[in-house]
Each structure stands twice: as C-alpha cells, then as structure tokens.
Amino acid sequence: MPFANFKVPAGTITAEQKEQKEQIITRTTDLYAEIFGDRARATTLVRVEEVADAGWGIGGGVLTLAKIGRAPQD
C-alpha cells in the first residue's frame, strides 16, 4: 500500500482552505497511480498532519510560525 505523510504547521490551513488538503491528497494519489499503475489508486493512503506550533525542529532549533514568518489562521 503506497503511503504519504505530509506535515504542515497547525493553523496555516484554515477551514476555508480545506481544498488545499484535498488537492494534496488527490494529486499525491494521482502521482502514485502514475508511477505504480492505476491498481495502486484504491490502496493509496495520504495523510495531511498538522503539527503544533513549536512541535518540530530543523537544524537543531525549534521551528515556530513566527520563525517562518507566518501568523496562525483563524
């Protein structure tokens, strides 16, 4: 079963932008089907996971929305 896990900062995709998550899922599924054949479409699992602010790090430092220049969306 093909599997993709996308992690995005929590609060950067609003409810109104949910089509962005749908597009990630649809296009990733299409890509797996293109690579592995259409038989992979039915079993492709795509997860879009929101990570809490300061819940991850890069280069040994804590990554926050402020550091990447984004304000949380309501």
N, C-alpha and C. Protein backbone atom coordinates (compact mmCIF):
# COMPACT_ATOMS: atom_id res chain seq x y z
N MET A 1 0.85 -1.17 0.00
CA MET A 1 0.00 0.00 0.00
C MET A 1 0.89 1.23 0.00
N PRO A 2 0.80 2.09 -1.03
CA PRO A 2 1.54 3.34 -1.02
C PRO A 2 1.04 4.25 0.10
N PHE A 3 1.97 4.96 0.72
CA PHE A 3 1.62 5.84 1.84
C PHE A 3 2.45 7.11 1.76
N ALA A 4 1.80 8.25 1.94
CA ALA A 4 2.49 9.54 2.00
C ALA A 4 1.97 10.29 3.22
N ASN A 5 2.89 10.92 3.95
CA ASN A 5 2.52 11.67 5.14
C ASN A 5 3.08 13.08 5.01
N PHE A 6 2.20 14.05 4.83
CA PHE A 6 2.59 15.45 4.73
C PHE A 6 2.38 16.10 6.08
N LYS A 7 3.35 16.85 6.53
CA LYS A 7 3.23 17.57 7.80
C LYS A 7 3.27 19.07 7.50
N VAL A 8 2.28 19.77 8.03
CA VAL A 8 2.18 21.22 7.85
C VAL A 8 2.02 21.87 9.22
N PRO A 9 2.48 23.10 9.38
CA PRO A 9 2.29 23.77 10.66
C PRO A 9 0.80 23.96 10.95
N ALA A 10 0.38 23.61 12.15
CA ALA A 10 -1.01 23.79 12.57
C ALA A 10 -1.38 25.26 12.47
N GLY A 11 -2.58 25.52 11.99
CA GLY A 11 -3.06 26.88 11.90
C GLY A 11 -2.72 27.58 10.60
N THR A 12 -2.00 26.91 9.70
CA THR A 12 -1.66 27.56 8.44
C THR A 12 -2.65 27.22 7.33
N ILE A 13 -3.49 26.22 7.54
CA ILE A 13 -4.55 25.90 6.59
C ILE A 13 -5.87 26.06 7.33
N THR A 14 -6.67 27.01 6.89
CA THR A 14 -7.94 27.28 7.55
C THR A 14 -9.03 26.35 7.03
N ALA A 15 -10.16 26.35 7.69
CA ALA A 15 -11.30 25.55 7.24
C ALA A 15 -11.70 25.94 5.82
N GLU A 16 -11.59 27.23 5.51
CA GLU A 16 -11.93 27.70 4.17
C GLU A 16 -10.93 27.20 3.13
N GLN A 17 -9.75 26.83 3.56
CA GLN A 17 -8.71 26.36 2.64
C GLN A 17 -8.63 24.84 2.60
N LYS A 18 -9.66 24.16 3.07
CA LYS A 18 -9.60 22.71 3.14
C LYS A 18 -9.38 22.08 1.77
N GLU A 19 -9.72 22.82 0.69
CA GLU A 19 -9.47 22.30 -0.64
C GLU A 19 -7.98 22.10 -0.89
N GLN A 20 -7.12 22.81 -0.15
CA GLN A 20 -5.68 22.58 -0.27
C GLN A 20 -5.33 21.17 0.19
N LYS A 21 -5.91 20.74 1.29
CA LYS A 21 -5.67 19.37 1.76
C LYS A 21 -6.21 18.37 0.75
N GLU A 22 -7.39 18.65 0.22
CA GLU A 22 -7.98 17.75 -0.78
C GLU A 22 -7.08 17.67 -2.01
N GLN A 23 -6.50 18.80 -2.41
CA GLN A 23 -5.62 18.81 -3.57
C GLN A 23 -4.35 18.02 -3.29
N ILE A 24 -3.78 18.14 -2.11
CA ILE A 24 -2.60 17.35 -1.75
C ILE A 24 -2.93 15.86 -1.86
N ILE A 25 -4.08 15.47 -1.32
CA ILE A 25 -4.47 14.06 -1.33
C ILE A 25 -4.72 13.57 -2.75
N THR A 26 -5.47 14.34 -3.53
CA THR A 26 -5.80 13.93 -4.89
C THR A 26 -4.56 13.84 -5.77
N ARG A 27 -3.72 14.86 -5.72
CA ARG A 27 -2.55 14.87 -6.60
C ARG A 27 -1.52 13.82 -6.20
N THR A 28 -1.39 13.56 -4.90
CA THR A 28 -0.46 12.52 -4.45
C THR A 28 -0.96 11.15 -4.90
N THR A 29 -2.26 10.92 -4.75
CA THR A 29 -2.84 9.65 -5.22
C THR A 29 -2.63 9.50 -6.71
N ASP A 30 -2.86 10.56 -7.48
CA ASP A 30 -2.64 10.51 -8.93
C ASP A 30 -1.19 10.18 -9.25
N LEU A 31 -0.25 10.77 -8.51
CA LEU A 31 1.17 10.51 -8.74
C LEU A 31 1.52 9.04 -8.49
N TYR A 32 1.04 8.49 -7.37
CA TYR A 32 1.30 7.08 -7.09
C TYR A 32 0.70 6.20 -8.18
N ALA A 33 -0.50 6.52 -8.64
CA ALA A 33 -1.15 5.74 -9.70
C ALA A 33 -0.35 5.84 -11.00
N GLU A 34 0.20 7.01 -11.27
CA GLU A 34 1.02 7.18 -12.47
C GLU A 34 2.28 6.33 -12.40
N ILE A 35 2.89 6.27 -11.22
CA ILE A 35 4.14 5.53 -11.06
C ILE A 35 3.90 4.03 -10.96
N PHE A 36 2.94 3.61 -10.13
CA PHE A 36 2.75 2.20 -9.84
C PHE A 36 1.61 1.55 -10.62
N GLY A 37 0.89 2.34 -11.39
CA GLY A 37 -0.25 1.82 -12.13
C GLY A 37 -1.54 2.12 -11.38
N ASP A 38 -2.61 2.14 -12.13
CA ASP A 38 -3.90 2.53 -11.55
C ASP A 38 -4.36 1.60 -10.43
N ARG A 39 -3.82 0.39 -10.39
CA ARG A 39 -4.20 -0.55 -9.32
C ARG A 39 -3.83 -0.01 -7.94
N ALA A 40 -2.84 0.90 -7.88
CA ALA A 40 -2.40 1.46 -6.59
C ALA A 40 -3.37 2.51 -6.06
N ARG A 41 -4.21 3.05 -6.92
CA ARG A 41 -5.11 4.14 -6.51
C ARG A 41 -6.00 3.74 -5.32
N ALA A 42 -6.58 2.57 -5.38
CA ALA A 42 -7.54 2.15 -4.34
C ALA A 42 -6.90 1.93 -2.98
N THR A 43 -5.59 1.71 -2.96
CA THR A 43 -4.94 1.42 -1.67
C THR A 43 -3.98 2.52 -1.23
N THR A 44 -3.93 3.62 -1.96
CA THR A 44 -3.02 4.71 -1.60
C THR A 44 -3.57 5.47 -0.40
N LEU A 45 -2.74 5.60 0.62
CA LEU A 45 -3.11 6.31 1.84
C LEU A 45 -2.30 7.60 1.92
N VAL A 46 -2.98 8.72 2.02
CA VAL A 46 -2.32 10.02 2.13
C VAL A 46 -2.82 10.69 3.41
N ARG A 47 -1.89 11.13 4.22
CA ARG A 47 -2.24 11.79 5.48
C ARG A 47 -1.66 13.19 5.47
N VAL A 48 -2.50 14.17 5.77
CA VAL A 48 -2.05 15.55 5.93
C VAL A 48 -2.17 15.86 7.42
N GLU A 49 -1.03 15.94 8.06
CA GLU A 49 -0.98 16.05 9.52
C GLU A 49 -0.55 17.46 9.91
N GLU A 50 -1.31 18.07 10.80
CA GLU A 50 -0.96 19.39 11.29
C GLU A 50 -0.13 19.26 12.56
N VAL A 51 1.03 19.88 12.56
CA VAL A 51 1.95 19.81 13.69
C VAL A 51 1.80 21.09 14.50
N ALA A 52 1.67 20.94 15.81
CA ALA A 52 1.51 22.10 16.70
C ALA A 52 2.70 23.04 16.59
N ASP A 53 2.43 24.34 16.76
CA ASP A 53 3.50 25.33 16.73
C ASP A 53 4.58 24.92 17.73
N ALA A 54 5.81 24.98 17.29
CA ALA A 54 6.99 24.58 18.08
C ALA A 54 7.03 23.08 18.32
N GLY A 55 6.26 22.32 17.56
CA GLY A 55 6.23 20.87 17.72
C GLY A 55 7.23 20.14 16.84
N TRP A 56 8.11 20.88 16.19
CA TRP A 56 9.14 20.27 15.37
C TRP A 56 10.34 21.18 15.30
N GLY A 57 11.41 20.67 14.77
CA GLY A 57 12.63 21.46 14.70
C GLY A 57 13.39 21.18 13.42
N ILE A 58 14.29 22.07 13.12
CA ILE A 58 15.17 21.89 11.96
C ILE A 58 16.54 22.46 12.31
N GLY A 59 17.56 21.73 11.96
CA GLY A 59 18.93 22.19 12.23
C GLY A 59 19.23 22.37 13.70
N GLY A 60 18.55 21.61 14.55
CA GLY A 60 18.79 21.68 15.98
C GLY A 60 18.01 22.76 16.70
N GLY A 61 17.19 23.53 15.96
CA GLY A 61 16.39 24.58 16.59
C GLY A 61 14.91 24.29 16.47
N VAL A 62 14.13 24.86 17.35
CA VAL A 62 12.68 24.68 17.35
C VAL A 62 12.08 25.56 16.26
N LEU A 63 11.22 24.99 15.44
CA LEU A 63 10.58 25.72 14.36
C LEU A 63 9.23 26.23 14.83
N THR A 64 9.01 27.52 14.68
CA THR A 64 7.74 28.13 15.06
C THR A 64 7.18 28.92 13.88
N LEU A 65 5.89 29.23 13.95
CA LEU A 65 5.28 30.04 12.90
C LEU A 65 5.96 31.39 12.80
N ALA A 66 6.32 31.95 13.94
CA ALA A 66 7.00 33.25 13.93
C ALA A 66 8.33 33.18 13.17
N LYS A 67 9.04 32.09 13.34
CA LYS A 67 10.34 31.94 12.66
C LYS A 67 10.19 31.76 11.16
N ILE A 68 9.09 31.18 10.73
CA ILE A 68 8.90 31.03 9.28
C ILE A 68 8.08 32.18 8.70
N GLY A 69 7.77 33.15 9.56
CA GLY A 69 7.10 34.36 9.09
C GLY A 69 5.63 34.19 8.77
N ARG A 70 4.97 33.25 9.46
CA ARG A 70 3.54 33.02 9.24
C ARG A 70 2.79 33.26 10.52
N ALA A 71 1.66 33.91 10.40
CA ALA A 71 0.76 34.07 11.54
C ALA A 71 -0.28 32.96 11.46
N PRO A 72 -0.67 32.39 12.59
CA PRO A 72 -1.71 31.36 12.55
C PRO A 72 -3.00 31.91 11.98
N GLN A 73 -3.72 31.07 11.23
CA GLN A 73 -5.00 31.45 10.64
C GLN A 73 -6.12 31.11 11.61
N ASP A 74 -7.19 31.88 11.58
CA ASP A 74 -8.35 31.61 12.44
C ASP A 74 -9.30 30.66 11.77
